[in-house]
Amino acid sequence: MTAASDTVVIPVATDTAAPAHAASSARAQTPPAPAAPLSASHFAAHTALSLREPLYAPLKILTLVQALDEVGVSPASALAGTGLSAAQIDDPATRTSIRQLLTVGRNAVRLSPVPELGLRVGQRLHISSYGLYGYAMLCTGTMREGFEMSMRYHALGTPVMPVRFSEEACQVIWHLPTHAELAMLDLTPDEYGFFLDIQFAGHATLVLDVMGPWCLPIEARYARPAPAHAEAITRTLGCPVRFGETRNELHYPREWLDRAPQMANPITVAEMSATCERLLAQIGWQAGLTRRVYEEITRVPGRFPGIEEVASTLCMTSRTLRRRLNDEGTSFSELLASVRHALALDYLGTTSLSLDDIAAALDFSDANSFRHAFKRWTGKSPVAFRR
């Protein structure tokens, strides 16, 4: 990648060397192959649906609330607007939504006196903060298998950001989304920076937990200007950090991918993988009718069925469908608008499609109708958003 012209590089001095670990040869029970990561457009549409769904244990919210409490922000203030109590986030039976996690993060940005709080939260997200998903990664046979497993079961970790990794000639690179790619979340620059800090620090912490204290990244790239706490970012990640880049990336040497984690165990990883598969299926089941309607709306690209057609497919009347969606806190029109909104943001932010083409892809009658809808959703015209 070519660095942006205003790139700022903050190096870190380190004499930490990686030991010459031998790769594990135990491959008798290899975990399932990784699922393909969500593309940006699919993540956007998926997020439109899943933000409100209470599917996740409150592990990340609890970690955030504890970090805020240490800097003088009470749990009640941290949880304001979530509908959650301190007792509930201590209860493993509680299920929370991504929207509730985002609300706690917004409260943190507003109330915390510590600019590097996101880094502190990320450093607290140890392997145990991910439940069985974390223990599955801990026991994989190689670093590569751990990375692949983290992708396969990413949906179990209350995911705010879609992530992926790629292998290049000498490096393996984790890719994190830019602010524009998360437009559907409606985060301010400071809120986005907060969650980006959590993601970077949490990712580095997870790799250290799995592989050992030697396994530091060799470089990080931030697609944002250097913040006031830039030096704290460098200290936390333990590697040189380049700011003002076009992409967010965390780099490791590719040769490390075949090295064995500290606690590699082929039997345990097979058992944990099976459990994670059941948890993924459970999330899909818990999502209820809203998820099924979403799947029907997005089944055929460029064509969005009406409520009568969806109701017929689901073997119920449109009146019943309306009532049951209302019971789940949404409506057909709200789901349809959310999906079209998410896809519109993605098309405008990541493609060069004309407004006529985007309007057609989103099943609007013409570009003018699309412009009016987009202005209603965002307060901006499509052209202004694209600038």
Protein backbone atom coordinates (compact mmCIF):
# COMPACT_ATOMS: atom_id res chain seq x y z
CA MET A 1 0.00 0.00 0.00
CA THR A 2 1.21 3.49 -0.80
CA ALA A 3 1.19 5.77 2.20
CA ALA A 4 -0.87 8.95 2.11
CA SER A 5 1.07 12.17 1.73
CA ASP A 6 0.31 13.28 5.29
CA THR A 7 1.38 10.02 6.86
CA VAL A 8 2.76 10.27 10.39
CA VAL A 9 4.93 7.40 11.60
CA ILE A 10 5.52 6.82 15.30
CA PRO A 11 8.18 4.10 15.77
CA VAL A 12 8.62 1.93 18.80
CA ALA A 13 11.87 0.59 20.15
CA THR A 14 11.77 -3.10 20.97
CA ASP A 15 14.27 -5.90 21.33
CA THR A 16 11.66 -8.61 21.67
CA ALA A 17 12.56 -11.58 19.50
CA ALA A 18 10.29 -14.44 18.54
CA PRO A 19 11.49 -17.88 19.60
CA ALA A 20 11.92 -20.55 17.00
CA HIS A 21 8.84 -22.52 17.97
CA ALA A 22 8.21 -25.66 16.02
CA ALA A 23 4.82 -25.86 14.33
CA SER A 24 2.46 -28.40 15.80
CA SER A 25 2.18 -31.58 13.81
CA ALA A 26 -1.03 -32.65 15.50
CA ARG A 27 -3.63 -32.37 12.75
CA ALA A 28 -5.81 -35.33 13.51
CA GLN A 29 -8.91 -33.22 14.13
CA THR A 30 -8.70 -30.05 12.11
CA PRO A 31 -11.41 -27.45 12.79
CA PRO A 32 -13.85 -26.56 10.00
CA ALA A 33 -12.64 -24.40 7.16
CA PRO A 34 -13.25 -20.68 7.72
CA ALA A 35 -16.43 -19.12 6.45
CA ALA A 36 -16.02 -16.34 3.93
CA PRO A 37 -16.02 -12.93 5.69
CA LEU A 38 -18.87 -10.53 5.09
CA SER A 39 -18.27 -8.12 2.25
CA ALA A 40 -18.73 -4.45 3.10
CA SER A 41 -22.14 -4.31 1.41
CA HIS A 42 -23.37 -7.51 3.06
CA PHE A 43 -22.06 -6.31 6.44
CA ALA A 44 -23.91 -3.01 5.98
CA ALA A 45 -27.20 -4.73 5.18
CA HIS A 46 -26.64 -7.31 7.93
CA THR A 47 -25.93 -4.54 10.43
CA ALA A 48 -29.16 -2.77 9.53
CA LEU A 49 -30.96 -5.83 10.86
CA SER A 50 -28.74 -7.07 13.66
CA LEU A 51 -28.00 -3.88 15.61
CA ARG A 52 -31.09 -4.28 17.75
CA GLU A 53 -31.11 -8.05 18.24
CA PRO A 54 -30.30 -9.20 21.82
CA LEU A 55 -28.10 -12.15 20.87
CA TYR A 56 -24.84 -11.71 22.78
CA ALA A 57 -23.55 -12.32 26.28
CA PRO A 58 -22.67 -8.97 27.94
CA LEU A 59 -18.90 -9.65 28.10
CA LYS A 60 -17.76 -6.62 26.10
CA ILE A 61 -20.26 -4.28 27.72
CA LEU A 62 -19.14 -5.45 31.16
CA THR A 63 -15.49 -4.84 30.24
CA LEU A 64 -16.30 -1.34 29.03
CA VAL A 65 -18.34 -0.50 32.14
CA GLN A 66 -15.52 -1.73 34.40
CA ALA A 67 -12.96 0.39 32.57
CA LEU A 68 -15.21 3.44 32.88
CA ASP A 69 -15.76 2.80 36.57
CA GLU A 70 -11.99 2.90 37.11
CA VAL A 71 -11.82 6.43 35.66
CA GLY A 72 -14.73 7.72 37.74
CA VAL A 73 -17.75 7.05 35.51
CA SER A 74 -20.47 5.19 37.39
CA PRO A 75 -22.05 2.04 35.93
CA ALA A 76 -25.42 3.80 35.85
CA SER A 77 -23.97 6.62 33.72
CA ALA A 78 -22.10 4.18 31.50
CA LEU A 79 -25.28 2.20 30.86
CA ALA A 80 -27.55 5.21 30.33
CA GLY A 81 -29.83 4.69 27.35
CA THR A 82 -29.23 0.94 27.08
CA GLY A 83 -32.09 -0.31 29.25
CA LEU A 84 -29.55 -2.45 31.10
CA SER A 85 -28.68 -2.46 34.79
CA ALA A 86 -25.36 -3.25 36.47
CA ALA A 87 -26.89 -6.47 37.78
CA GLN A 88 -27.96 -7.56 34.30
CA ILE A 89 -24.52 -7.21 32.75
CA ASP A 90 -23.14 -9.38 35.55
CA ASP A 91 -25.64 -12.12 34.66
CA PRO A 92 -24.33 -14.63 32.07
CA ALA A 93 -27.93 -15.34 31.02
CA THR A 94 -28.44 -11.75 29.86
CA ARG A 95 -28.40 -11.19 26.10
CA THR A 96 -27.43 -7.82 24.68
CA SER A 97 -27.36 -6.17 21.26
CA ILE A 98 -24.72 -4.39 19.22
CA ARG A 99 -26.81 -1.23 19.56
CA GLN A 100 -26.47 -1.42 23.36
CA LEU A 101 -22.70 -1.86 23.05
CA LEU A 102 -22.55 1.16 20.73
CA THR A 103 -24.55 3.20 23.25
CA VAL A 104 -22.10 2.38 26.05
CA GLY A 105 -19.24 3.35 23.73
CA ARG A 106 -20.89 6.68 22.92
CA ASN A 107 -21.35 7.30 26.64
CA ALA A 108 -17.67 6.50 27.15
CA VAL A 109 -16.55 9.04 24.55
CA ARG A 110 -18.79 11.66 26.13
CA LEU A 111 -17.92 11.00 29.77
CA SER A 112 -14.40 9.58 29.98
CA PRO A 113 -11.59 11.95 31.02
CA VAL A 114 -9.05 9.54 29.49
CA PRO A 115 -8.50 9.82 25.71
CA GLU A 116 -6.85 6.41 25.47
CA LEU A 117 -9.74 4.58 27.17
CA GLY A 118 -10.43 2.55 24.01
CA LEU A 119 -6.91 1.13 24.21
CA ARG A 120 -7.41 0.21 27.85
CA VAL A 121 -10.66 -1.58 27.00
CA GLY A 122 -8.99 -3.47 24.17
CA GLN A 123 -6.16 -4.58 26.46
CA ARG A 124 -8.74 -5.97 28.89
CA LEU A 125 -10.41 -8.06 26.19
CA HIS A 126 -8.39 -11.18 26.91
CA ILE A 127 -9.20 -14.61 25.56
CA SER A 128 -11.69 -15.18 28.40
CA SER A 129 -13.75 -12.21 27.20
CA TYR A 130 -14.80 -14.21 24.13
CA GLY A 131 -16.23 -17.23 25.93
CA LEU A 132 -15.95 -20.59 24.17
CA TYR A 133 -15.00 -18.83 20.94
CA GLY A 134 -11.87 -17.54 22.69
CA TYR A 135 -10.95 -20.93 24.13
CA ALA A 136 -11.35 -22.51 20.69
CA MET A 137 -8.73 -20.09 19.28
CA LEU A 138 -6.45 -20.78 22.22
CA CYS A 139 -6.21 -24.47 21.35
CA THR A 140 -5.72 -24.33 17.57
CA GLY A 141 -2.75 -26.13 16.02
CA THR A 142 -1.14 -23.12 14.32
CA MET A 143 -1.38 -19.35 14.24
CA ARG A 144 -3.00 -19.63 10.80
CA GLU A 145 -5.71 -21.94 12.14
CA GLY A 146 -6.32 -19.48 14.97
CA PHE A 147 -6.76 -16.63 12.50
CA GLU A 148 -9.11 -18.72 10.36
CA MET A 149 -11.15 -19.70 13.39
CA SER A 150 -11.41 -16.09 14.54
CA MET A 151 -12.95 -15.29 11.15
CA ARG A 152 -15.32 -18.22 11.17
CA TYR A 153 -16.74 -17.41 14.60
CA HIS A 154 -16.41 -13.61 14.50
CA ALA A 155 -20.20 -13.30 14.78
CA LEU A 156 -20.06 -14.76 18.32
CA GLY A 157 -18.06 -11.81 19.70
CA THR A 158 -20.60 -8.94 19.53
CA PRO A 159 -18.98 -7.69 16.30
CA VAL A 160 -19.04 -3.93 15.76
CA MET A 161 -16.62 -4.07 12.82
CA PRO A 162 -16.17 -6.57 9.99
CA VAL A 163 -12.57 -7.79 9.83
CA ARG A 164 -10.59 -10.00 7.47
CA PHE A 165 -6.99 -11.06 6.94
CA SER A 166 -4.92 -11.61 3.81
CA GLU A 167 -1.61 -13.31 3.14
CA GLU A 168 0.94 -11.46 1.06
CA ALA A 169 4.51 -12.32 0.04
CA CYS A 170 6.12 -11.79 3.44
CA GLN A 171 3.30 -10.62 5.69
CA VAL A 172 -0.14 -11.49 6.95
CA ILE A 173 -2.35 -8.42 7.25
CA TRP A 174 -5.50 -7.86 9.26
CA HIS A 175 -7.82 -5.33 7.61
CA LEU A 176 -10.20 -3.15 9.64
CA PRO A 177 -12.89 -0.90 8.12
CA THR A 178 -12.52 2.83 7.58
CA HIS A 179 -14.97 5.37 9.00
CA ALA A 180 -16.75 5.61 5.64
CA GLU A 181 -17.20 1.85 5.49
CA LEU A 182 -19.04 1.97 8.83
CA ALA A 183 -21.36 4.81 7.82
CA MET A 184 -24.41 2.71 8.75
CA LEU A 185 -23.39 2.86 12.42
CA ASP A 186 -23.62 6.68 12.37
CA LEU A 187 -20.51 7.12 14.52
CA THR A 188 -18.88 10.50 15.01
CA PRO A 189 -15.13 10.65 14.24
CA ASP A 190 -14.35 10.44 17.96
CA GLU A 191 -16.71 7.50 18.47
CA TYR A 192 -15.24 5.71 15.46
CA GLY A 193 -11.71 6.33 16.79
CA PHE A 194 -12.73 4.91 20.16
CA PHE A 195 -14.03 1.66 18.67
CA LEU A 196 -11.05 1.47 16.31
CA ASP A 197 -8.69 1.70 19.30
CA ILE A 198 -10.62 -1.12 20.98
CA GLN A 199 -10.37 -3.25 17.85
CA PHE A 200 -6.65 -2.69 17.33
CA ALA A 201 -5.72 -3.19 20.99
CA GLY A 202 -8.12 -6.09 21.44
CA HIS A 203 -6.79 -7.84 18.37
CA ALA A 204 -3.18 -7.49 19.46
CA THR A 205 -4.09 -8.67 22.98
CA LEU A 206 -5.86 -11.74 21.62
CA VAL A 207 -2.86 -12.74 19.50
CA LEU A 208 -0.54 -12.32 22.50
CA ASP A 209 -2.83 -14.49 24.63
CA VAL A 210 -2.89 -17.24 22.01
CA MET A 211 0.73 -17.19 20.82
CA GLY A 212 2.73 -15.73 23.70
CA PRO A 213 4.40 -12.41 24.64
CA TRP A 214 6.85 -12.62 21.73
CA CYS A 215 4.11 -12.30 19.10
CA LEU A 216 3.94 -8.54 18.57
CA PRO A 217 2.78 -7.01 15.28
CA ILE A 218 5.50 -5.51 13.12
CA GLU A 219 3.47 -2.51 11.93
CA ALA A 220 0.07 -0.88 12.28
CA ARG A 221 -1.60 1.56 9.90
CA TYR A 222 -4.40 3.91 10.88
CA ALA A 223 -6.73 5.49 8.34
CA ARG A 224 -7.10 8.60 10.47
CA PRO A 225 -4.86 11.49 11.55
CA ALA A 226 -2.64 10.96 14.57
CA PRO A 227 -4.79 11.60 17.69
CA ALA A 228 -3.56 13.24 20.88
CA HIS A 229 -2.88 9.81 22.37
CA ALA A 230 -0.86 8.56 19.36
CA GLU A 231 2.12 7.61 21.52
CA ALA A 232 -0.15 5.52 23.75
CA ILE A 233 -1.32 3.63 20.65
CA THR A 234 2.29 2.85 19.74
CA ARG A 235 3.08 1.68 23.29
CA THR A 236 -0.03 -0.48 23.41
CA LEU A 237 0.54 -2.22 20.08
CA GLY A 238 4.30 -2.53 20.58
CA CYS A 239 5.15 -1.70 16.97
CA PRO A 240 5.61 1.31 14.67
CA VAL A 241 2.28 2.97 13.83
CA ARG A 242 1.62 4.91 10.63
CA PHE A 243 -1.17 7.48 10.76
CA GLY A 244 -2.87 9.22 7.86
CA GLU A 245 -3.05 6.02 5.79
CA THR A 246 -5.86 5.06 3.44
CA ARG A 247 -6.59 1.75 5.20
CA ASN A 248 -6.52 0.31 8.71
CA GLU A 249 -4.12 -2.62 8.92
CA LEU A 250 -2.23 -4.72 11.46
CA HIS A 251 0.81 -6.59 10.05
CA TYR A 252 2.54 -9.79 11.20
CA PRO A 253 5.32 -11.81 9.50
CA ARG A 254 3.80 -14.50 7.31
CA GLU A 255 6.43 -17.03 8.45
CA TRP A 256 4.84 -17.03 11.90
CA LEU A 257 1.58 -18.51 10.61
CA ASP A 258 2.78 -22.11 10.95
CA ARG A 259 3.96 -21.73 14.53
CA ALA A 260 2.05 -23.42 17.32
CA PRO A 261 0.07 -21.54 19.98
CA GLN A 262 1.13 -22.00 23.59
CA MET A 263 -1.81 -24.29 24.41
CA ALA A 264 -2.39 -26.10 21.11
CA ASN A 265 -4.58 -29.15 21.61
CA PRO A 266 -6.25 -30.89 18.63
CA ILE A 267 -8.87 -32.71 20.72
CA THR A 268 -9.94 -29.63 22.65
CA VAL A 269 -10.09 -27.45 19.53
CA ALA A 270 -12.33 -29.99 17.79
CA GLU A 271 -14.69 -30.03 20.77
CA MET A 272 -14.73 -26.23 21.06
CA SER A 273 -15.31 -25.87 17.30
CA ALA A 274 -18.37 -28.10 17.49
CA THR A 275 -19.70 -26.03 20.38
CA CYS A 276 -19.10 -22.78 18.48
CA GLU A 277 -20.98 -24.19 15.50
CA ARG A 278 -23.96 -24.88 17.76
CA LEU A 279 -23.74 -21.34 19.16
CA LEU A 280 -23.76 -19.86 15.65
CA ALA A 281 -26.85 -21.91 14.83
CA GLN A 282 -28.44 -20.77 18.09
CA ILE A 283 -27.89 -17.12 17.20
CA GLY A 284 -29.65 -17.69 13.90
CA TRP A 285 -32.53 -19.40 15.68
CA GLN A 286 -32.86 -16.73 18.35
CA ALA A 287 -33.11 -13.98 15.76
CA GLY A 288 -36.70 -14.96 15.05
CA LEU A 289 -39.04 -13.60 12.41
CA THR A 290 -37.07 -10.39 11.84
CA ARG A 291 -34.15 -12.43 10.51
CA ARG A 292 -36.40 -14.45 8.21
CA VAL A 293 -37.96 -11.29 6.77
CA TYR A 294 -34.52 -9.79 6.27
CA GLU A 295 -33.43 -12.91 4.37
CA GLU A 296 -36.44 -12.63 2.07
CA ILE A 297 -35.85 -8.91 1.45
CA THR A 298 -32.22 -9.50 0.47
CA ARG A 299 -32.65 -12.83 -1.34
CA VAL A 300 -32.54 -11.42 -4.90
CA PRO A 301 -30.08 -8.52 -5.49
CA GLY A 302 -31.80 -5.44 -6.91
CA ARG A 303 -35.30 -6.72 -6.15
CA PHE A 304 -37.11 -6.03 -2.89
CA PRO A 305 -40.39 -7.95 -2.42
CA GLY A 306 -43.43 -6.35 -0.84
CA ILE A 307 -44.99 -7.38 2.43
CA GLU A 308 -47.72 -9.46 0.80
CA GLU A 309 -45.14 -11.55 -1.09
CA VAL A 310 -42.95 -12.03 1.98
CA ALA A 311 -45.93 -12.94 4.15
CA SER A 312 -47.04 -15.53 1.59
CA THR A 313 -43.53 -17.02 1.47
CA LEU A 314 -43.57 -17.29 5.28
CA CYS A 315 -47.05 -18.90 5.21
CA MET A 316 -48.93 -16.17 7.04
CA THR A 317 -51.11 -13.18 6.26
CA SER A 318 -49.62 -9.71 5.95
CA ARG A 319 -51.63 -8.68 9.00
CA THR A 320 -50.03 -11.46 11.07
CA LEU A 321 -46.61 -10.54 9.76
CA ARG A 322 -47.11 -6.89 10.75
CA ARG A 323 -48.25 -7.89 14.24
CA ARG A 324 -45.36 -10.29 14.84
CA LEU A 325 -42.75 -7.82 13.59
CA ASN A 326 -44.26 -5.20 15.89
CA ASP A 327 -43.85 -7.67 18.76
CA GLU A 328 -40.14 -7.84 17.88
CA GLY A 329 -39.86 -4.04 17.92
CA THR A 330 -39.73 -3.35 14.20
CA SER A 331 -41.87 -3.17 11.05
CA PHE A 332 -41.61 -4.32 7.45
CA SER A 333 -41.18 -0.78 6.15
CA GLU A 334 -38.46 -0.08 8.72
CA LEU A 335 -36.55 -3.24 7.75
CA LEU A 336 -36.81 -2.47 4.05
CA ALA A 337 -35.69 1.14 4.54
CA SER A 338 -32.78 0.03 6.75
CA VAL A 339 -31.49 -2.42 4.15
CA ARG A 340 -31.81 0.09 1.29
CA HIS A 341 -30.16 2.78 3.44
CA ALA A 342 -27.24 0.50 4.31
CA LEU A 343 -26.70 -0.56 0.72
CA ALA A 344 -26.96 3.04 -0.50
CA LEU A 345 -24.21 4.12 1.91
CA ASP A 346 -22.01 1.28 0.75
CA TYR A 347 -22.57 1.90 -2.99
CA LEU A 348 -21.89 5.63 -2.60
CA GLY A 349 -18.84 5.14 -0.39
CA THR A 350 -17.11 2.24 -2.10
CA THR A 351 -18.15 2.24 -5.79
CA SER A 352 -18.25 4.66 -8.73
CA LEU A 353 -21.79 3.66 -9.73
CA SER A 354 -23.93 6.51 -11.07
CA LEU A 355 -26.99 7.64 -9.12
CA ASP A 356 -29.18 6.11 -11.83
CA ASP A 357 -27.46 2.73 -11.38
CA ILE A 358 -27.70 2.90 -7.58
CA ALA A 359 -31.37 3.84 -7.80
CA ALA A 360 -31.99 0.84 -10.05
CA ALA A 361 -30.00 -1.50 -7.76
CA LEU A 362 -32.10 -0.36 -4.79
CA ASP A 363 -35.37 -0.73 -6.75
CA PHE A 364 -36.27 2.96 -6.85
CA SER A 365 -38.33 4.16 -9.81
CA ASP A 366 -35.71 6.77 -10.73
CA ALA A 367 -32.69 8.68 -9.41
CA ASN A 368 -34.86 11.54 -8.13
CA SER A 369 -36.83 9.18 -5.87
CA PHE A 370 -33.54 7.80 -4.57
CA ARG A 371 -32.24 11.33 -3.87
CA HIS A 372 -35.34 12.18 -1.82
CA ALA A 373 -35.11 8.95 0.18
CA PHE A 374 -31.39 9.39 0.85
CA LYS A 375 -31.92 12.97 2.01
CA ARG A 376 -34.64 11.73 4.36
CA TRP A 377 -32.33 9.02 5.78
CA THR A 378 -29.18 11.07 6.23
CA GLY A 379 -29.99 14.77 5.90
CA LYS A 380 -27.57 14.92 2.97
CA SER A 381 -27.84 14.54 -0.77
CA PRO A 382 -26.05 11.54 -2.35
CA VAL A 383 -23.61 13.92 -4.07
CA ALA A 384 -22.78 15.68 -0.79
CA PHE A 385 -22.24 12.34 0.95
CA ARG A 386 -19.84 11.23 -1.78
CA ARG A 387 -17.57 14.27 -1.50
